[in-house]
C-alpha cells in the first residue's frame, strides 16, 4: 500500500489508474488461498517458523510457480508433525 501511495504522489496521480488493476490481479489472481493437496512424494523440503505459526513447503512439481507454498494455521503443529513423520529427510533448518 505504501508503494502504491508513493507512486501516486510521485506521478501526480497519473499512475493510480494503472496500479489499481495490478493490485487486483496480484491480490485475487496470483495469491491463492484455499485447499491445495500435495502428495508426500512431491515435498522437496519444508521449514517452520514457530513464532509466526508458518510452514513453508517447497514442491518438486513440474509446471507450477508455487515455490514455496506457505501455510499459516492454528493447527500448524499438527501439520509439522505430519511432515516430520512422512518426510523426515526434507526438513530444512536455516543456519544462523
Protein backbone atom coordinates (compact mmCIF):
# COMPACT_ATOMS: atom_id res chain seq x y z
CA UNK A 1 0.00 0.00 0.00
CA UNK A 2 2.88 2.34 0.77
CA UNK A 3 4.39 1.72 -2.66
CA UNK A 4 1.04 2.48 -4.26
CA UNK A 5 0.71 5.79 -2.42
CA UNK A 6 4.30 6.80 -3.17
CA UNK A 7 3.77 6.04 -6.88
CA UNK A 8 0.58 8.11 -6.97
CA UNK A 9 2.25 11.05 -5.25
CA UNK A 10 5.39 10.95 -7.40
CA UNK A 11 3.43 10.66 -10.65
CA UNK A 12 0.94 13.38 -9.67
CA UNK A 13 -1.88 10.82 -9.80
CA UNK A 14 -1.24 9.56 -13.35
CA UNK A 15 -0.24 6.04 -12.25
CA UNK A 16 -3.22 5.49 -9.97
CA UNK A 17 -5.44 4.24 -12.77
CA UNK A 18 -2.87 1.66 -13.92
CA UNK A 19 -1.88 0.44 -10.45
CA UNK A 20 -5.39 -0.44 -9.32
CA UNK A 21 -5.79 -3.30 -11.85
CA UNK A 22 -2.30 -4.56 -10.98
CA UNK A 23 -3.22 -4.64 -7.29
CA UNK A 24 -6.41 -6.56 -8.05
CA UNK A 25 -4.50 -9.01 -10.25
CA UNK A 26 -1.95 -9.74 -7.54
CA UNK A 27 -4.46 -9.89 -4.70
CA UNK A 28 -7.13 -12.06 -6.30
CA UNK A 29 -5.45 -13.98 -9.12
CA UNK A 30 -1.80 -14.61 -8.24
CA UNK A 31 -2.19 -15.09 -4.49
CA UNK A 32 -4.27 -18.18 -3.92
CA UNK A 33 -6.00 -19.06 -0.71
CA UNK A 34 -7.74 -22.31 -0.14
CA UNK A 35 -7.24 -26.02 -0.21
CA UNK A 36 -4.21 -27.39 -2.00
CA UNK A 37 -3.25 -31.05 -1.97
CA UNK A 38 0.40 -32.04 -2.16
CA UNK A 39 1.37 -35.72 -2.32
CA UNK A 40 4.08 -36.65 0.20
CA UNK A 41 6.33 -37.73 -2.67
CA UNK A 42 6.27 -34.18 -4.07
CA UNK A 43 7.57 -32.46 -0.92
CA UNK A 44 11.12 -31.33 -1.74
CA UNK A 45 11.77 -29.58 1.59
CA UNK A 46 9.98 -27.67 4.29
CA UNK A 47 10.68 -25.24 7.08
CA UNK A 48 8.66 -23.93 10.03
CA UNK A 49 8.58 -20.60 11.81
CA UNK A 50 7.09 -21.33 15.22
CA UNK A 51 6.82 -17.69 16.28
CA UNK A 52 4.66 -16.77 13.26
CA UNK A 53 2.88 -20.17 13.03
CA UNK A 54 4.04 -20.60 9.43
CA UNK A 55 5.19 -23.62 7.45
CA UNK A 56 6.82 -23.17 4.04
CA UNK A 57 6.75 -26.20 1.74
CA UNK A 58 8.73 -26.42 -1.48
CA UNK A 59 7.48 -28.92 -4.01
CA UNK A 60 9.14 -30.53 -6.98
CA UNK A 61 6.03 -30.32 -9.15
CA UNK A 62 6.77 -29.51 -12.76
CA UNK A 63 4.94 -26.59 -14.28
CA UNK A 64 3.85 -24.86 -11.08
CA UNK A 65 5.01 -21.49 -9.86
CA UNK A 66 4.20 -22.08 -6.20
CA UNK A 67 7.61 -22.27 -4.57
CA UNK A 68 7.23 -22.31 -1.60
CA UNK A 69 3.67 -22.93 -0.57
CA UNK A 70 3.13 -21.13 2.75
CA UNK A 71 0.71 -22.49 5.33
CA UNK A 72 -0.48 -20.29 8.18
CA UNK A 73 -2.81 -22.01 10.58
CA UNK A 74 -3.57 -22.51 14.23
CA UNK A 75 -3.07 -26.25 13.54
CA UNK A 76 0.48 -25.71 12.26
CA UNK A 77 1.94 -28.07 14.89
CA UNK A 78 -0.14 -30.99 13.62
CA UNK A 79 0.89 -30.23 10.04
CA UNK A 80 4.55 -30.05 11.05
CA UNK A 81 4.29 -33.37 12.91
CA UNK A 82 2.81 -34.99 9.79
CA UNK A 83 5.60 -33.56 7.63
CA UNK A 84 8.21 -34.85 10.06
CA UNK A 85 6.58 -38.27 10.10
CA UNK A 86 6.16 -38.71 6.32
CA UNK A 87 9.08 -36.61 5.01
CA UNK A 88 11.76 -36.62 7.73
CA UNK A 89 14.70 -36.08 5.38
CA UNK A 90 13.13 -32.98 3.81
CA UNK A 91 13.16 -30.66 6.83
CA UNK A 92 15.25 -27.56 6.22
CA UNK A 93 16.72 -25.65 9.14
CA UNK A 94 18.31 -22.31 8.20
CA UNK A 95 21.72 -21.81 9.74
CA UNK A 96 22.47 -18.67 11.67
